[in-house]
Full PDB file with SEQRES, HELIX, SHEET, SSBOND, CRYST1, ORIGX, SCALE, CONECT and MASTER records, all heavy atoms in Angstrom:
SEQRES   1 A   35  VAL ASP MET LEU HIS LYS ARG ILE SER LYS LEU GLN PRO          
SEQRES   2 A   35  PHE ASP ARG ALA ILE VAL LEU LEU TRP LEU GLU ASN LEU          
SEQRES   3 A   35  SER TYR GLU GLU ILE GLY GLN ILE VAL                          
HELIX    1 AA1 ASP A    2  SER A    9  1                                   8    
HELIX    2 AA2 PRO A   13  LEU A   23  1                                  11    
HELIX    3 AA3 TYR A   28  ILE A   34  1                                   7    
CRYST1    1.000    1.000    1.000  90.00  90.00  90.00 P 1           1          
ORIGX1      1.000000  0.000000  0.000000        0.00000                         
ORIGX2      0.000000  1.000000  0.000000        0.00000                         
ORIGX3      0.000000  0.000000  1.000000        0.00000                         
SCALE1      1.000000  0.000000  0.000000        0.00000                         
SCALE2      0.000000  1.000000  0.000000        0.00000                         
SCALE3      0.000000  0.000000  1.000000        0.00000                         
ATOM      1  N   VAL A   1      15.977  53.517  47.948  1.00  0.00           N  
ATOM      2  CA  VAL A   1      16.527  53.296  46.598  1.00  0.00           C  
ATOM      3  C   VAL A   1      17.839  52.456  46.722  1.00  0.00           C  
ATOM      4  O   VAL A   1      18.044  51.560  45.933  1.00  0.00           O  
ATOM      5  CB  VAL A   1      16.748  54.670  45.880  1.00  0.00           C  
ATOM      6  CG1 VAL A   1      17.548  54.395  44.602  1.00  0.00           C  
ATOM      7  CG2 VAL A   1      15.462  55.293  45.601  1.00  0.00           C  
ATOM      8  N   ASP A   2      18.658  52.851  47.655  1.00  0.00           N  
ATOM      9  CA  ASP A   2      19.924  52.101  47.850  1.00  0.00           C  
ATOM     10  C   ASP A   2      19.618  50.634  48.206  1.00  0.00           C  
ATOM     11  O   ASP A   2      20.300  49.706  47.688  1.00  0.00           O  
ATOM     12  CB  ASP A   2      20.814  52.695  48.898  1.00  0.00           C  
ATOM     13  CG  ASP A   2      21.480  53.974  48.500  1.00  0.00           C  
ATOM     14  OD1 ASP A   2      21.485  54.281  47.289  1.00  0.00           O  
ATOM     15  OD2 ASP A   2      21.851  54.801  49.393  1.00  0.00           O  
ATOM     16  N   MET A   3      18.651  50.379  49.061  1.00  0.00           N  
ATOM     17  CA  MET A   3      18.262  49.019  49.449  1.00  0.00           C  
ATOM     18  C   MET A   3      17.835  48.320  48.217  1.00  0.00           C  
ATOM     19  O   MET A   3      18.220  47.063  48.023  1.00  0.00           O  
ATOM     20  CB  MET A   3      17.256  49.061  50.571  1.00  0.00           C  
ATOM     21  CG  MET A   3      16.877  47.650  51.032  1.00  0.00           C  
ATOM     22  SD  MET A   3      15.663  47.692  52.367  1.00  0.00           S  
ATOM     23  CE  MET A   3      14.264  48.359  51.480  1.00  0.00           C  
ATOM     24  N   LEU A   4      17.014  48.896  47.413  1.00  0.00           N  
ATOM     25  CA  LEU A   4      16.450  48.199  46.250  1.00  0.00           C  
ATOM     26  C   LEU A   4      17.618  47.862  45.252  1.00  0.00           C  
ATOM     27  O   LEU A   4      17.659  46.774  44.741  1.00  0.00           O  
ATOM     28  CB  LEU A   4      15.462  49.153  45.497  1.00  0.00           C  
ATOM     29  CG  LEU A   4      14.849  48.544  44.215  1.00  0.00           C  
ATOM     30  CD1 LEU A   4      14.089  47.289  44.538  1.00  0.00           C  
ATOM     31  CD2 LEU A   4      13.913  49.592  43.605  1.00  0.00           C  
ATOM     32  N   HIS A   5      18.548  48.819  45.068  1.00  0.00           N  
ATOM     33  CA  HIS A   5      19.695  48.538  44.184  1.00  0.00           C  
ATOM     34  C   HIS A   5      20.526  47.370  44.691  1.00  0.00           C  
ATOM     35  O   HIS A   5      20.975  46.496  43.929  1.00  0.00           O  
ATOM     36  CB  HIS A   5      20.573  49.812  44.010  1.00  0.00           C  
ATOM     37  CG  HIS A   5      20.023  50.771  43.065  1.00  0.00           C  
ATOM     38  ND1 HIS A   5      20.099  50.647  41.691  1.00  0.00           N  
ATOM     39  CD2 HIS A   5      19.412  51.990  43.292  1.00  0.00           C  
ATOM     40  CE1 HIS A   5      19.545  51.686  41.139  1.00  0.00           C  
ATOM     41  NE2 HIS A   5      19.061  52.552  42.095  1.00  0.00           N  
ATOM     42  N   LYS A   6      20.765  47.312  45.997  1.00  0.00           N  
ATOM     43  CA  LYS A   6      21.499  46.200  46.577  1.00  0.00           C  
ATOM     44  C   LYS A   6      20.781  44.902  46.411  1.00  0.00           C  
ATOM     45  O   LYS A   6      21.435  43.847  46.018  1.00  0.00           O  
ATOM     46  CB  LYS A   6      21.748  46.493  48.035  1.00  0.00           C  
ATOM     47  CG  LYS A   6      22.779  47.548  48.321  1.00  0.00           C  
ATOM     48  CD  LYS A   6      22.941  47.792  49.781  1.00  0.00           C  
ATOM     49  CE  LYS A   6      23.867  48.980  50.056  1.00  0.00           C  
ATOM     50  NZ  LYS A   6      23.925  49.394  51.433  1.00  0.00           N  
ATOM     51  N   ARG A   7      19.468  44.896  46.570  1.00  0.00           N  
ATOM     52  CA  ARG A   7      18.730  43.659  46.358  1.00  0.00           C  
ATOM     53  C   ARG A   7      18.687  43.235  44.905  1.00  0.00           C  
ATOM     54  O   ARG A   7      18.804  42.006  44.618  1.00  0.00           O  
ATOM     55  CB  ARG A   7      17.325  43.812  46.938  1.00  0.00           C  
ATOM     56  CG  ARG A   7      17.324  43.873  48.420  1.00  0.00           C  
ATOM     57  CD  ARG A   7      15.900  44.035  48.981  1.00  0.00           C  
ATOM     58  NE  ARG A   7      15.963  44.095  50.466  1.00  0.00           N  
ATOM     59  CZ  ARG A   7      14.923  43.950  51.214  1.00  0.00           C  
ATOM     60  NH1 ARG A   7      13.712  43.865  50.688  1.00  0.00           N  
ATOM     61  NH2 ARG A   7      15.041  44.066  52.527  1.00  0.00           N  
ATOM     62  N   ILE A   8      18.510  44.188  44.043  1.00  0.00           N  
ATOM     63  CA  ILE A   8      18.529  43.796  42.605  1.00  0.00           C  
ATOM     64  C   ILE A   8      19.870  43.252  42.175  1.00  0.00           C  
ATOM     65  O   ILE A   8      19.914  42.282  41.394  1.00  0.00           O  
ATOM     66  CB  ILE A   8      18.160  45.075  41.732  1.00  0.00           C  
ATOM     67  CG1 ILE A   8      16.660  45.400  41.913  1.00  0.00           C  
ATOM     68  CG2 ILE A   8      18.483  44.802  40.281  1.00  0.00           C  
ATOM     69  CD1 ILE A   8      16.269  46.692  41.247  1.00  0.00           C  
ATOM     70  N   SER A   9      20.935  43.792  42.735  1.00  0.00           N  
ATOM     71  CA  SER A   9      22.251  43.263  42.363  1.00  0.00           C  
ATOM     72  C   SER A   9      22.470  41.795  42.823  1.00  0.00           C  
ATOM     73  O   SER A   9      23.344  41.092  42.314  1.00  0.00           O  
ATOM     74  CB  SER A   9      23.395  44.141  42.983  1.00  0.00           C  
ATOM     75  OG  SER A   9      23.429  44.009  44.367  1.00  0.00           O  
ATOM     76  N   LYS A  10      21.675  41.321  43.771  1.00  0.00           N  
ATOM     77  CA  LYS A  10      21.808  39.953  44.244  1.00  0.00           C  
ATOM     78  C   LYS A  10      21.015  38.975  43.360  1.00  0.00           C  
ATOM     79  O   LYS A  10      21.204  37.760  43.496  1.00  0.00           O  
ATOM     80  CB  LYS A  10      21.194  39.841  45.653  1.00  0.00           C  
ATOM     81  CG  LYS A  10      22.052  40.528  46.750  1.00  0.00           C  
ATOM     82  CD  LYS A  10      21.391  40.408  48.067  1.00  0.00           C  
ATOM     83  CE  LYS A  10      22.139  41.228  49.127  1.00  0.00           C  
ATOM     84  NZ  LYS A  10      21.475  41.114  50.417  1.00  0.00           N  
ATOM     85  N   LEU A  11      20.189  39.462  42.489  1.00  0.00           N  
ATOM     86  CA  LEU A  11      19.417  38.560  41.596  1.00  0.00           C  
ATOM     87  C   LEU A  11      20.293  37.927  40.565  1.00  0.00           C  
ATOM     88  O   LEU A  11      21.404  38.407  40.219  1.00  0.00           O  
ATOM     89  CB  LEU A  11      18.375  39.394  40.863  1.00  0.00           C  
ATOM     90  CG  LEU A  11      17.196  40.026  41.689  1.00  0.00           C  
ATOM     91  CD1 LEU A  11      16.392  40.935  40.829  1.00  0.00           C  
ATOM     92  CD2 LEU A  11      16.341  38.901  42.249  1.00  0.00           C  
ATOM     93  N   GLN A  12      19.817  36.840  40.005  1.00  0.00           N  
ATOM     94  CA  GLN A  12      20.519  36.190  38.878  1.00  0.00           C  
ATOM     95  C   GLN A  12      20.558  37.140  37.697  1.00  0.00           C  
ATOM     96  O   GLN A  12      19.616  37.954  37.514  1.00  0.00           O  
ATOM     97  CB  GLN A  12      19.831  34.857  38.517  1.00  0.00           C  
ATOM     98  CG  GLN A  12      19.919  33.807  39.581  1.00  0.00           C  
ATOM     99  CD  GLN A  12      21.322  33.372  39.874  1.00  0.00           C  
ATOM    100  OE1 GLN A  12      22.173  33.137  38.911  1.00  0.00           O  
ATOM    101  NE2 GLN A  12      21.736  33.307  41.112  1.00  0.00           N  
ATOM    102  N   PRO A  13      21.524  37.044  36.786  1.00  0.00           N  
ATOM    103  CA  PRO A  13      21.629  38.011  35.661  1.00  0.00           C  
ATOM    104  C   PRO A  13      20.326  38.092  34.829  1.00  0.00           C  
ATOM    105  O   PRO A  13      19.903  39.212  34.449  1.00  0.00           O  
ATOM    106  CB  PRO A  13      22.804  37.480  34.858  1.00  0.00           C  
ATOM    107  CG  PRO A  13      23.639  36.798  35.857  1.00  0.00           C  
ATOM    108  CD  PRO A  13      22.718  36.188  36.849  1.00  0.00           C  
ATOM    109  N   PHE A  14      19.711  36.981  34.549  1.00  0.00           N  
ATOM    110  CA  PHE A  14      18.485  37.037  33.754  1.00  0.00           C  
ATOM    111  C   PHE A  14      17.345  37.775  34.424  1.00  0.00           C  
ATOM    112  O   PHE A  14      16.721  38.568  33.818  1.00  0.00           O  
ATOM    113  CB  PHE A  14      18.037  35.576  33.405  1.00  0.00           C  
ATOM    114  CG  PHE A  14      16.959  35.475  32.385  1.00  0.00           C  
ATOM    115  CD1 PHE A  14      17.228  35.705  31.028  1.00  0.00           C  
ATOM    116  CD2 PHE A  14      15.659  35.186  32.766  1.00  0.00           C  
ATOM    117  CE1 PHE A  14      16.236  35.632  30.096  1.00  0.00           C  
ATOM    118  CE2 PHE A  14      14.613  35.108  31.820  1.00  0.00           C  
ATOM    119  CZ  PHE A  14      14.894  35.293  30.495  1.00  0.00           C  
ATOM    120  N   ASP A  15      17.183  37.476  35.715  1.00  0.00           N  
ATOM    121  CA  ASP A  15      16.113  38.170  36.508  1.00  0.00           C  
ATOM    122  C   ASP A  15      16.483  39.622  36.662  1.00  0.00           C  
ATOM    123  O   ASP A  15      15.554  40.517  36.533  1.00  0.00           O  
ATOM    124  CB  ASP A  15      15.970  37.513  37.888  1.00  0.00           C  
ATOM    125  CG  ASP A  15      15.291  36.148  37.754  1.00  0.00           C  
ATOM    126  OD1 ASP A  15      14.715  35.798  36.698  1.00  0.00           O  
ATOM    127  OD2 ASP A  15      15.408  35.356  38.725  1.00  0.00           O  
ATOM    128  N   ARG A  16      17.726  39.921  36.820  1.00  0.00           N  
ATOM    129  CA  ARG A  16      18.158  41.282  36.980  1.00  0.00           C  
ATOM    130  C   ARG A  16      17.843  42.061  35.661  1.00  0.00           C  
ATOM    131  O   ARG A  16      17.335  43.223  35.698  1.00  0.00           O  
ATOM    132  CB  ARG A  16      19.680  41.373  37.307  1.00  0.00           C  
ATOM    133  CG  ARG A  16      20.086  42.749  37.704  1.00  0.00           C  
ATOM    134  CD  ARG A  16      21.648  42.745  38.123  1.00  0.00           C  
ATOM    135  NE  ARG A  16      22.084  41.549  38.623  1.00  0.00           N  
ATOM    136  CZ  ARG A  16      23.276  40.920  38.305  1.00  0.00           C  
ATOM    137  NH1 ARG A  16      24.092  41.521  37.505  1.00  0.00           N  
ATOM    138  NH2 ARG A  16      23.670  39.839  38.895  1.00  0.00           N  
ATOM    139  N   ALA A  17      18.116  41.444  34.534  1.00  0.00           N  
ATOM    140  CA  ALA A  17      17.842  42.080  33.280  1.00  0.00           C  
ATOM    141  C   ALA A  17      16.347  42.372  33.091  1.00  0.00           C  
ATOM    142  O   ALA A  17      15.932  43.518  32.636  1.00  0.00           O  
ATOM    143  CB  ALA A  17      18.316  41.217  32.167  1.00  0.00           C  
ATOM    144  N   ILE A  18      15.547  41.461  33.545  1.00  0.00           N  
ATOM    145  CA  ILE A  18      14.046  41.657  33.353  1.00  0.00           C  
ATOM    146  C   ILE A  18      13.601  42.837  34.281  1.00  0.00           C  
ATOM    147  O   ILE A  18      12.866  43.709  33.817  1.00  0.00           O  
ATOM    148  CB  ILE A  18      13.339  40.380  33.768  1.00  0.00           C  
ATOM    149  CG1 ILE A  18      13.537  39.283  32.680  1.00  0.00           C  
ATOM    150  CG2 ILE A  18      11.812  40.640  33.951  1.00  0.00           C  
ATOM    151  CD1 ILE A  18      12.922  37.938  33.002  1.00  0.00           C  
ATOM    152  N   VAL A  19      14.103  42.887  35.485  1.00  0.00           N  
ATOM    153  CA  VAL A  19      13.738  43.981  36.361  1.00  0.00           C  
ATOM    154  C   VAL A  19      14.214  45.345  35.819  1.00  0.00           C  
ATOM    155  O   VAL A  19      13.460  46.287  35.811  1.00  0.00           O  
ATOM    156  CB  VAL A  19      14.257  43.762  37.843  1.00  0.00           C  
ATOM    157  CG1 VAL A  19      14.173  45.028  38.686  1.00  0.00           C  
ATOM    158  CG2 VAL A  19      13.568  42.603  38.461  1.00  0.00           C  
ATOM    159  N   LEU A  20      15.435  45.361  35.321  1.00  0.00           N  
ATOM    160  CA  LEU A  20      15.984  46.624  34.880  1.00  0.00           C  
ATOM    161  C   LEU A  20      15.265  47.128  33.579  1.00  0.00           C  
ATOM    162  O   LEU A  20      15.037  48.331  33.484  1.00  0.00           O  
ATOM    163  CB  LEU A  20      17.488  46.501  34.612  1.00  0.00           C  
ATOM    164  CG  LEU A  20      18.341  46.289  35.912  1.00  0.00           C  
ATOM    165  CD1 LEU A  20      19.758  46.045  35.628  1.00  0.00           C  
ATOM    166  CD2 LEU A  20      18.154  47.453  36.911  1.00  0.00           C  
ATOM    167  N   LEU A  21      14.873  46.199  32.770  1.00  0.00           N  
ATOM    168  CA  LEU A  21      14.087  46.597  31.565  1.00  0.00           C  
ATOM    169  C   LEU A  21      12.728  47.104  32.037  1.00  0.00           C  
ATOM    170  O   LEU A  21      12.204  48.062  31.466  1.00  0.00           O  
ATOM    171  CB  LEU A  21      13.982  45.411  30.593  1.00  0.00           C  
ATOM    172  CG  LEU A  21      15.268  45.037  29.880  1.00  0.00           C  
ATOM    173  CD1 LEU A  21      15.066  43.672  29.169  1.00  0.00           C  
ATOM    174  CD2 LEU A  21      15.731  46.093  28.954  1.00  0.00           C  
ATOM    175  N   TRP A  22      12.146  46.456  32.982  1.00  0.00           N  
ATOM    176  CA  TRP A  22      10.832  46.892  33.547  1.00  0.00           C  
ATOM    177  C   TRP A  22      10.952  48.283  34.128  1.00  0.00           C  
ATOM    178  O   TRP A  22      10.045  49.138  33.935  1.00  0.00           O  
ATOM    179  CB  TRP A  22      10.321  45.856  34.528  1.00  0.00           C  
ATOM    180  CG  TRP A  22       9.018  46.218  35.137  1.00  0.00           C  
ATOM    181  CD1 TRP A  22       7.812  46.169  34.607  1.00  0.00           C  
ATOM    182  CD2 TRP A  22       8.792  46.751  36.480  1.00  0.00           C  
ATOM    183  NE1 TRP A  22       6.826  46.577  35.464  1.00  0.00           N  
ATOM    184  CE2 TRP A  22       7.440  46.883  36.617  1.00  0.00           C  
ATOM    185  CE3 TRP A  22       9.682  46.932  37.560  1.00  0.00           C  
ATOM    186  CZ2 TRP A  22       6.837  47.362  37.804  1.00  0.00           C  
ATOM    187  CZ3 TRP A  22       9.082  47.450  38.731  1.00  0.00           C  
ATOM    188  CH2 TRP A  22       7.722  47.663  38.853  1.00  0.00           C  
ATOM    189  N   LEU A  23      12.032  48.565  34.851  1.00  0.00           N  
ATOM    190  CA  LEU A  23      12.254  49.826  35.414  1.00  0.00           C  
ATOM    191  C   LEU A  23      12.489  50.969  34.320  1.00  0.00           C  
ATOM    192  O   LEU A  23      12.322  52.105  34.619  1.00  0.00           O  
ATOM    193  CB  LEU A  23      13.452  49.824  36.370  1.00  0.00           C  
ATOM    194  CG  LEU A  23      13.230  49.097  37.688  1.00  0.00           C  
ATOM    195  CD1 LEU A  23      14.490  48.958  38.536  1.00  0.00           C  
ATOM    196  CD2 LEU A  23      12.095  49.729  38.545  1.00  0.00           C  
ATOM    197  N   GLU A  24      12.863  50.509  33.108  1.00  0.00           N  
ATOM    198  CA  GLU A  24      12.980  51.395  32.042  1.00  0.00           C  
ATOM    199  C   GLU A  24      11.689  51.678  31.398  1.00  0.00           C  
ATOM    200  O   GLU A  24      11.548  52.322  30.283  1.00  0.00           O  
ATOM    201  CB  GLU A  24      13.914  50.818  30.976  1.00  0.00           C  
ATOM    202  CG  GLU A  24      15.362  50.706  31.395  1.00  0.00           C  
ATOM    203  CD  GLU A  24      16.154  51.929  31.052  1.00  0.00           C  
ATOM    204  OE1 GLU A  24      15.790  52.704  30.128  1.00  0.00           O  
ATOM    205  OE2 GLU A  24      17.159  52.179  31.731  1.00  0.00           O  
ATOM    206  N   ASN A  25      10.599  51.178  31.962  1.00  0.00           N  
ATOM    207  CA  ASN A  25       9.177  51.389  31.483  1.00  0.00           C  
ATOM    208  C   ASN A  25       8.920  50.736  30.132  1.00  0.00           C  
ATOM    209  O   ASN A  25       8.091  51.174  29.340  1.00  0.00           O  
ATOM    210  CB  ASN A  25       8.866  52.856  31.441  1.00  0.00           C  
ATOM    211  CG  ASN A  25       8.662  53.452  32.812  1.00  0.00           C  
ATOM    212  OD1 ASN A  25       8.256  52.776  33.731  1.00  0.00           O  
ATOM    213  ND2 ASN A  25       9.129  54.701  32.960  1.00  0.00           N  
ATOM    214  N   LEU A  26       9.631  49.594  29.808  1.00  0.00           N  
ATOM    215  CA  LEU A  26       9.314  48.829  28.662  1.00  0.00           C  
ATOM    216  C   LEU A  26       8.082  47.961  28.921  1.00  0.00           C  
ATOM    217  O   LEU A  26       7.872  47.517  30.017  1.00  0.00           O  
ATOM    218  CB  LEU A  26      10.508  47.963  28.232  1.00  0.00           C  
ATOM    219  CG  LEU A  26      11.752  48.714  27.795  1.00  0.00           C  
ATOM    220  CD1 LEU A  26      12.865  47.714  27.519  1.00  0.00           C  
ATOM    221  CD2 LEU A  26      11.495  49.569  26.565  1.00  0.00           C  
ATOM    222  N   SER A  27       7.293  47.713  27.894  1.00  0.00           N  
ATOM    223  CA  SER A  27       6.172  46.841  27.997  1.00  0.00           C  
ATOM    224  C   SER A  27       6.607  45.378  28.200  1.00  0.00           C  
ATOM    225  O   SER A  27       7.769  45.061  27.852  1.00  0.00           O  
ATOM    226  CB  SER A  27       5.273  46.987  26.814  1.00  0.00           C  
ATOM    227  OG  SER A  27       5.882  46.369  25.650  1.00  0.00           O  
ATOM    228  N   TYR A  28       5.683  44.567  28.672  1.00  0.00           N  
ATOM    229  CA  TYR A  28       5.982  43.171  28.853  1.00  0.00           C  
ATOM    230  C   TYR A  28       6.346  42.474  27.515  1.00  0.00           C  
ATOM    231  O   TYR A  28       7.230  41.687  27.421  1.00  0.00           O  
ATOM    232  CB  TYR A  28       4.866  42.412  29.502  1.00  0.00           C  
ATOM    233  CG  TYR A  28       4.550  42.681  30.955  1.00  0.00           C  
ATOM    234  CD1 TYR A  28       5.403  43.570  31.647  1.00  0.00           C  
ATOM    235  CD2 TYR A  28       3.614  42.065  31.627  1.00  0.00           C  
ATOM    236  CE1 TYR A  28       5.131  43.844  32.998  1.00  0.00           C  
ATOM    237  CE2 TYR A  28       3.338  42.318  32.962  1.00  0.00           C  
ATOM    238  CZ  TYR A  28       4.146  43.224  33.646  1.00  0.00           C  
ATOM    239  OH  TYR A  28       3.920  43.477  34.997  1.00  0.00           O  
ATOM    240  N   GLU A  29       5.660  42.977  26.425  1.00  0.00           N  
ATOM    241  CA  GLU A  29       5.937  42.430  25.134  1.00  0.00           C  
ATOM    242  C   GLU A  29       7.345  42.764  24.720  1.00  0.00           C  
ATOM    243  O   GLU A  29       8.075  41.883  24.180  1.00  0.00           O  
ATOM    244  CB  GLU A  29       4.944  42.982  24.066  1.00  0.00           C  
ATOM    245  CG  GLU A  29       3.510  42.474  24.278  1.00  0.00           C  
ATOM    246  CD  GLU A  29       2.740  43.210  25.371  1.00  0.00           C  
ATOM    247  OE1 GLU A  29       3.166  44.317  25.770  1.00  0.00           O  
ATOM    248  OE2 GLU A  29       1.788  42.578  25.880  1.00  0.00           O  
ATOM    249  N   GLU A  30       7.775  44.024  24.901  1.00  0.00           N  
ATOM    250  CA  GLU A  30       9.120  44.443  24.533  1.00  0.00           C  
ATOM    251  C   GLU A  30      10.140  43.705  25.334  1.00  0.00           C  
ATOM    252  O   GLU A  30      11.183  43.235  24.821  1.00  0.00           O  
ATOM    253  CB  GLU A  30       9.314  45.915  24.728  1.00  0.00           C  
ATOM    254  CG  GLU A  30       8.566  46.805  23.770  1.00  0.00           C  
ATOM    255  CD  GLU A  30       8.620  48.341  24.012  1.00  0.00           C  
ATOM    256  OE1 GLU A  30       8.326  48.630  25.234  1.00  0.00           O  
ATOM    257  OE2 GLU A  30       9.001  49.090  23.153  1.00  0.00           O  
ATOM    258  N   ILE A  31       9.904  43.550  26.643  1.00  0.00           N  
ATOM    259  CA  ILE A  31      10.899  42.861  27.489  1.00  0.00           C  
ATOM    260  C   ILE A  31      11.000  41.410  27.044  1.00  0.00           C  
ATOM    261  O   ILE A  31      12.071  40.818  26.897  1.00  0.00           O  
ATOM    262  CB  ILE A  31      10.423  42.924  28.984  1.00  0.00           C  
ATOM    263  CG1 ILE A  31      10.507  44.345  29.502  1.00  0.00           C  
ATOM    264  CG2 ILE A  31      11.309  41.931  29.827  1.00  0.00           C  
ATOM    265  CD1 ILE A  31       9.874  44.517  30.829  1.00  0.00           C  
ATOM    266  N   GLY A  32       9.828  40.778  26.700  1.00  0.00           N  
ATOM    267  CA  GLY A  32       9.799  39.389  26.244  1.00  0.00           C  
ATOM    268  C   GLY A  32      10.578  39.246  24.909  1.00  0.00           C  
ATOM    269  O   GLY A  32      11.362  38.227  24.784  1.00  0.00           O  
ATOM    270  N   GLN A  33      10.468  40.182  24.026  1.00  0.00           N  
ATOM    271  CA  GLN A  33      11.223  40.110  22.787  1.00  0.00           C  
ATOM    272  C   GLN A  33      12.712  40.167  23.040  1.00  0.00           C  
ATOM    273  O   GLN A  33      13.497  39.495  22.433  1.00  0.00           O  
ATOM    274  CB  GLN A  33      10.792  41.185  21.819  1.00  0.00           C  
ATOM    275  CG  GLN A  33       9.435  41.024  21.213  1.00  0.00           C  
ATOM    276  CD  GLN A  33       8.994  42.154  20.298  1.00  0.00           C  
ATOM    277  OE1 GLN A  33       9.587  43.256  20.327  1.00  0.00           O  
ATOM    278  NE2 GLN A  33       7.974  41.953  19.511  1.00  0.00           N  
ATOM    279  N   ILE A  34      13.067  41.061  23.973  1.00  0.00           N  
ATOM    280  CA  ILE A  34      14.480  41.276  24.192  1.00  0.00           C  
ATOM    281  C   ILE A  34      15.153  40.073  24.878  1.00  0.00           C  
ATOM    282  O   ILE A  34      16.239  39.655  24.483  1.00  0.00           O  
ATOM    283  CB  ILE A  34      14.705  42.552  25.087  1.00  0.00           C  
ATOM    284  CG1 ILE A  34      14.323  43.803  24.281  1.00  0.00           C  
ATOM    285  CG2 ILE A  34      16.182  42.692  25.606  1.00  0.00           C  
ATOM    286  CD1 ILE A  34      14.191  45.100  25.115  1.00  0.00           C  
ATOM    287  N   VAL A  35      14.461  39.485  25.892  1.00  0.00           N  
ATOM    288  CA  VAL A  35      15.105  38.359  26.586  1.00  0.00           C  
ATOM    289  C   VAL A  35      14.714  37.041  26.034  1.00  0.00           C  
ATOM    290  O   VAL A  35      15.227  35.978  26.481  1.00  0.00           O  
ATOM    291  CB  VAL A  35      14.772  38.460  28.113  1.00  0.00           C  
ATOM    292  CG1 VAL A  35      15.339  39.755  28.740  1.00  0.00           C  
ATOM    293  CG2 VAL A  35      13.271  38.377  28.395  1.00  0.00           C  
TER     294      VAL A  35                                                      
MASTER        0    0    0    3    0    0    0    6  293    1    0    3          
END                                                                             
């Protein structure tokens, strides 16, 4: 989990946002609307 968090923090802000929304169990449609 620590390794995953470190790797996610290295992503660009837009990509990081997509991953974090996905980890919140939002659907692709909801993520798409948000970003």
